[in-house]
Amino acid sequence: MSAHAHPASLDYAALDDHALVAEVRAGHREAFRHIMQRCNQRLFRVARAVLGEDSEAEDVLQESYMRAYHKLDSFRGDSTLLTWLTSIVLNEARGRLRKRHTMVGLEQVDAAPDDSHQIIQFPSKFGSEDPAVSAARLQIRRLLEHAIDALPPAFRTVYMMRDVEECSVEETATLLAIKPETVKTRLHRARRLLRAALHDQLAATMGEAFPFMGQRCARVTDAVMARLDTESTSTTLV
C-alpha cells in the first residue's frame, strides 16, 4: 500500500475501525497511526503477558504492526480489528519465546497443582501514613505488576486477557487455541495465586496495570510510521 495525500480536514479519530482500514487500503497511511493508537494498550499488555519484559514486548508490537500493515488486505472483518491484531501479536510473541528455547509445555502447566508455583509475597496491609494518594496508587500498581509478572506464563496471559483487558472467555480461547474450560481453569488458578499475594484493595487499580500511553505509545507508533515511510521511499526509488 502506497501513501496518498488526503484532505487535512478528515477527522480520523471519528472513524470506526472498518472505516480506518478502508482508508489505509486506499493508501492513506496516516489512518494506520490511529489504528495503532487505539490498539496499543491491549496489544502491549498481551505481548508483555507472554514475554514478561517491557522492551521485548515493544519490539513485538512494532513487528506485529508491520506484519499487520502489509497483510491488511487479508482482514475480512469476521472478527474485530482488535481481535485480528491480537492474534498477530500472540503469534509474534510466541515466536520470540521459541527463539529463547524456554517455553514450558502448556499441558504441564495445566496439570500442575495450584500451589506449585512461587510468586512474590507482599504484605497483607498497606500503611496509610503517606497522604499522597497518587504516589500510593503508583506503588500499588507496581506491586500488582510484579505479582502478575510472577505468575506462570500460561496463567499470566489468560489473566491479562480476561481480567485486565476484559476479553470474553470465547475470544481468549480462540486466540490462545485452547478450550474455554481451560481458560476458566487458568484464570481461576491465576486469581488464587494473586489473592495469596495481594490485598483486595489492589483491585481498584487493575485497569491501570502496564499502562502504554503517552510517550511510550507515541514511541512505538512513530517508529512504525517511520519504517513504513522508509519502505515507501525504497519502493519509489526501485
Protein backbone atom coordinates (compact mmCIF):
# COMPACT_ATOMS: atom_id res chain seq x y z
CA MET A 1 0.00 0.00 0.00
CA SER A 2 1.40 3.34 -1.00
CA ALA A 3 0.69 6.61 0.76
CA HIS A 4 -1.56 9.19 -0.88
CA ALA A 5 -2.50 12.70 0.08
CA HIS A 6 -5.77 13.12 1.90
CA PRO A 7 -7.79 16.17 2.85
CA ALA A 8 -6.42 17.56 6.10
CA SER A 9 -9.96 18.14 7.30
CA LEU A 10 -10.70 14.42 7.64
CA ASP A 11 -11.18 13.51 11.31
CA TYR A 12 -9.57 10.08 11.56
CA ALA A 13 -10.35 9.89 15.27
CA ALA A 14 -14.06 9.95 14.47
CA LEU A 15 -13.87 6.98 12.10
CA ASP A 16 -14.69 3.46 13.24
CA ASP A 17 -12.22 0.62 12.76
CA HIS A 18 -13.62 -0.55 9.44
CA ALA A 19 -13.50 2.98 8.04
CA LEU A 20 -9.89 3.35 9.17
CA VAL A 21 -8.99 0.06 7.49
CA ALA A 22 -10.62 1.30 4.29
CA GLU A 23 -8.58 4.50 4.49
CA VAL A 24 -5.34 2.55 4.91
CA ARG A 25 -6.23 0.30 2.00
CA ALA A 26 -6.86 3.42 -0.09
CA GLY A 27 -3.28 4.48 0.58
CA HIS A 28 -3.84 6.96 3.39
CA ARG A 29 -1.16 5.75 5.77
CA GLU A 30 -1.97 8.26 8.50
CA ALA A 31 -5.09 6.22 9.23
CA PHE A 32 -2.82 3.39 10.37
CA ARG A 33 -1.37 5.66 13.05
CA HIS A 34 -4.85 5.99 14.54
CA ILE A 35 -5.36 2.23 14.42
CA MET A 36 -2.15 1.78 16.41
CA GLN A 37 -3.09 4.44 18.94
CA ARG A 38 -6.43 2.72 19.56
CA CYS A 39 -4.94 -0.75 19.93
CA ASN A 40 -1.57 -0.11 21.60
CA GLN A 41 -2.76 -0.59 25.17
CA ARG A 42 -4.23 -4.06 24.80
CA LEU A 43 -1.63 -5.32 22.35
CA PHE A 44 1.26 -4.23 24.56
CA ARG A 45 -0.33 -5.88 27.58
CA VAL A 46 -0.84 -9.13 25.68
CA ALA A 47 2.73 -9.15 24.33
CA ARG A 48 4.11 -8.39 27.77
CA ALA A 49 1.99 -11.10 29.36
CA VAL A 50 3.58 -13.65 27.04
CA LEU A 51 7.14 -12.34 27.27
CA GLY A 52 7.25 -10.79 30.75
CA GLU A 53 9.54 -7.95 29.66
CA ASP A 54 8.87 -4.39 28.50
CA SER A 55 11.42 -3.77 25.77
CA GLU A 56 10.89 -7.10 24.04
CA ALA A 57 7.13 -6.57 24.18
CA GLU A 58 7.61 -3.22 22.43
CA ASP A 59 9.73 -4.91 19.75
CA VAL A 60 6.99 -7.48 19.23
CA LEU A 61 4.45 -4.70 18.94
CA GLN A 62 6.43 -2.97 16.19
CA GLU A 63 6.99 -6.17 14.23
CA SER A 64 3.34 -7.13 14.59
CA TYR A 65 2.17 -3.77 13.28
CA MET A 66 4.46 -4.07 10.28
CA ARG A 67 3.06 -7.52 9.55
CA ALA A 68 -0.48 -6.26 10.01
CA TYR A 69 0.04 -3.30 7.68
CA HIS A 70 1.34 -5.49 4.88
CA LYS A 71 -1.42 -8.08 5.24
CA LEU A 72 -4.27 -5.66 5.96
CA ASP A 73 -5.95 -6.71 2.72
CA SER A 74 -6.50 -10.13 4.32
CA PHE A 75 -8.61 -8.62 7.12
CA ARG A 76 -12.16 -9.60 6.25
CA GLY A 77 -13.98 -8.33 9.31
CA ASP A 78 -15.02 -11.79 10.51
CA SER A 79 -13.66 -10.71 13.90
CA THR A 80 -12.99 -7.26 15.29
CA LEU A 81 -9.85 -5.48 14.14
CA LEU A 82 -8.51 -5.63 17.71
CA THR A 83 -9.02 -9.40 17.84
CA TRP A 84 -7.28 -9.80 14.48
CA LEU A 85 -4.33 -7.72 15.64
CA THR A 86 -4.18 -9.57 18.96
CA SER A 87 -3.79 -12.83 17.07
CA ILE A 88 -0.84 -11.40 15.13
CA VAL A 89 0.78 -10.15 18.34
CA LEU A 90 0.35 -13.53 20.04
CA ASN A 91 1.95 -15.33 17.11
CA GLU A 92 4.89 -12.92 17.07
CA ALA A 93 5.36 -13.14 20.85
CA ARG A 94 5.26 -16.93 20.81
CA GLY A 95 7.86 -16.90 18.06
CA ARG A 96 10.13 -14.89 20.34
CA LEU A 97 9.61 -17.45 23.10
CA ARG A 98 10.56 -20.30 20.79
CA LYS A 99 13.79 -18.48 19.97
CA ARG A 100 14.54 -18.28 23.68
CA HIS A 101 14.10 -22.07 23.93
CA THR A 102 12.43 -21.62 27.29
CA MET A 103 8.83 -22.49 26.51
CA VAL A 104 7.06 -24.59 29.12
CA GLY A 105 4.62 -27.21 27.89
CA LEU A 106 1.10 -25.92 28.44
CA GLU A 107 -0.14 -29.35 29.41
CA GLN A 108 2.49 -29.44 32.16
CA VAL A 109 1.35 -26.06 33.48
CA ASP A 110 -2.33 -27.01 33.42
CA ALA A 111 -1.67 -30.25 35.25
CA ALA A 112 0.45 -28.64 37.97
CA PRO A 113 -1.03 -28.22 41.47
CA ASP A 114 -2.29 -24.76 42.33
CA ASP A 115 0.47 -24.14 44.86
CA SER A 116 3.37 -25.45 42.76
CA HIS A 117 4.48 -22.00 41.56
CA GLN A 118 6.19 -19.45 43.72
CA ILE A 119 5.15 -15.82 43.40
CA ILE A 120 6.36 -12.74 45.23
CA GLN A 121 4.79 -12.34 48.64
CA PHE A 122 3.54 -8.93 49.70
CA PRO A 123 2.23 -7.54 53.00
CA SER A 124 -1.48 -8.08 53.52
CA LYS A 125 -1.95 -4.47 54.57
CA PHE A 126 -0.60 -1.20 53.26
CA GLY A 127 0.10 1.68 55.57
CA SER A 128 -1.89 4.87 55.31
CA GLU A 129 0.90 7.12 56.55
CA ASP A 130 1.56 8.56 53.08
CA PRO A 131 -1.04 11.27 52.28
CA ALA A 132 -0.10 11.41 48.57
CA VAL A 133 -2.81 9.26 47.06
CA SER A 134 -1.31 9.31 43.60
CA ALA A 135 2.05 8.11 44.88
CA ALA A 136 0.34 5.33 46.82
CA ARG A 137 -1.62 4.24 43.77
CA LEU A 138 1.60 4.15 41.75
CA GLN A 139 3.25 1.95 44.36
CA ILE A 140 0.27 -0.39 44.49
CA ARG A 141 0.19 -0.63 40.71
CA ARG A 142 3.84 -1.61 40.66
CA LEU A 143 3.24 -4.29 43.28
CA LEU A 144 0.40 -5.62 41.19
CA GLU A 145 2.52 -5.67 38.05
CA HIS A 146 5.29 -7.57 39.83
CA ALA A 147 2.78 -10.10 41.14
CA ILE A 148 1.32 -10.61 37.68
CA ASP A 149 4.82 -10.99 36.23
CA ALA A 150 5.47 -13.77 38.75
CA LEU A 151 2.54 -15.86 37.51
CA PRO A 152 3.32 -18.87 35.30
CA PRO A 153 3.28 -17.61 31.67
CA ALA A 154 0.17 -19.54 30.62
CA PHE A 155 -1.76 -18.22 33.63
CA ARG A 156 -0.41 -14.71 33.15
CA THR A 157 -1.57 -14.45 29.54
CA VAL A 158 -5.08 -15.63 30.35
CA TYR A 159 -5.25 -13.33 33.36
CA MET A 160 -4.19 -10.28 31.35
CA MET A 161 -6.67 -11.02 28.59
CA ARG A 162 -9.63 -11.84 30.82
CA ASP A 163 -9.33 -9.64 33.92
CA VAL A 164 -7.26 -6.72 32.68
CA GLU A 165 -8.36 -6.40 29.05
CA GLU A 166 -11.79 -7.96 29.73
CA CYS A 167 -11.76 -10.27 26.71
CA SER A 168 -14.55 -12.82 26.73
CA VAL A 169 -13.88 -16.47 27.50
CA GLU A 170 -14.64 -17.35 23.89
CA GLU A 171 -12.30 -14.73 22.42
CA THR A 172 -9.50 -15.70 24.78
CA ALA A 173 -9.92 -19.39 23.99
CA THR A 174 -9.91 -18.74 20.24
CA LEU A 175 -6.84 -16.51 20.32
CA LEU A 176 -4.87 -18.88 22.54
CA ALA A 177 -6.11 -22.02 20.75
CA ILE A 178 -7.30 -23.64 23.97
CA LYS A 179 -10.67 -24.82 25.25
CA PRO A 180 -13.00 -22.38 27.07
CA GLU A 181 -12.83 -24.69 30.08
CA THR A 182 -9.04 -24.32 30.09
CA VAL A 183 -9.39 -20.54 30.04
CA LYS A 184 -11.65 -20.71 33.09
CA THR A 185 -9.30 -23.08 34.92
CA ARG A 186 -6.20 -20.98 34.28
CA LEU A 187 -7.99 -17.78 35.25
CA HIS A 188 -9.20 -19.37 38.49
CA ARG A 189 -5.70 -20.51 39.38
CA ALA A 190 -4.18 -17.15 38.46
CA ARG A 191 -6.67 -15.36 40.71
CA ARG A 192 -5.90 -17.72 43.57
CA LEU A 193 -2.18 -17.06 43.25
CA LEU A 194 -2.71 -13.31 43.18
CA ARG A 195 -5.11 -13.34 46.12
CA ALA A 196 -2.45 -15.16 48.14
CA ALA A 197 -0.01 -12.32 47.44
CA LEU A 198 -2.07 -9.15 47.24
CA HIS A 199 -4.65 -7.39 49.32
CA ASP A 200 -8.13 -6.96 47.84
CA GLN A 201 -7.62 -3.20 47.77
CA LEU A 202 -5.43 -3.65 44.70
CA ALA A 203 -8.49 -4.46 42.60
CA ALA A 204 -9.22 -0.75 42.23
CA THR A 205 -6.00 -0.25 40.26
CA MET A 206 -6.41 -3.25 37.94
CA GLY A 207 -7.26 -1.20 34.89
CA GLU A 208 -4.11 0.88 35.32
CA ALA A 209 -1.64 -2.00 35.19
CA PHE A 210 1.01 -1.93 32.44
CA PRO A 211 -0.01 1.44 31.00
CA PHE A 212 1.05 2.03 27.43
CA MET A 213 0.08 5.60 26.71
CA GLY A 214 1.74 8.97 26.32
CA GLN A 215 5.40 8.83 25.29
CA ARG A 216 5.58 5.03 25.18
CA CYS A 217 2.57 4.81 22.88
CA ALA A 218 3.94 7.59 20.69
CA ARG A 219 7.40 5.97 20.50
CA VAL A 220 6.11 2.70 19.05
CA THR A 221 3.60 4.44 16.79
CA ASP A 222 6.22 6.87 15.42
CA ALA A 223 8.74 4.07 14.92
CA VAL A 224 6.30 2.03 12.84
CA MET A 225 5.28 5.06 10.79
CA ALA A 226 8.97 5.84 10.13
CA ARG A 227 9.59 2.27 8.96
CA LEU A 228 6.61 2.49 6.63
CA ASP A 229 7.94 5.78 5.22
CA THR A 230 11.34 4.16 4.63
CA GLU A 231 9.73 1.24 2.84
CA SER A 232 7.70 3.62 0.69
CA THR A 233 10.81 5.62 -0.26
CA SER A 234 12.77 2.46 -1.10
CA THR A 235 9.94 1.20 -3.29
CA THR A 236 9.75 4.51 -5.15
CA LEU A 237 13.48 4.50 -5.87
CA VAL A 238 13.46 0.97 -7.25
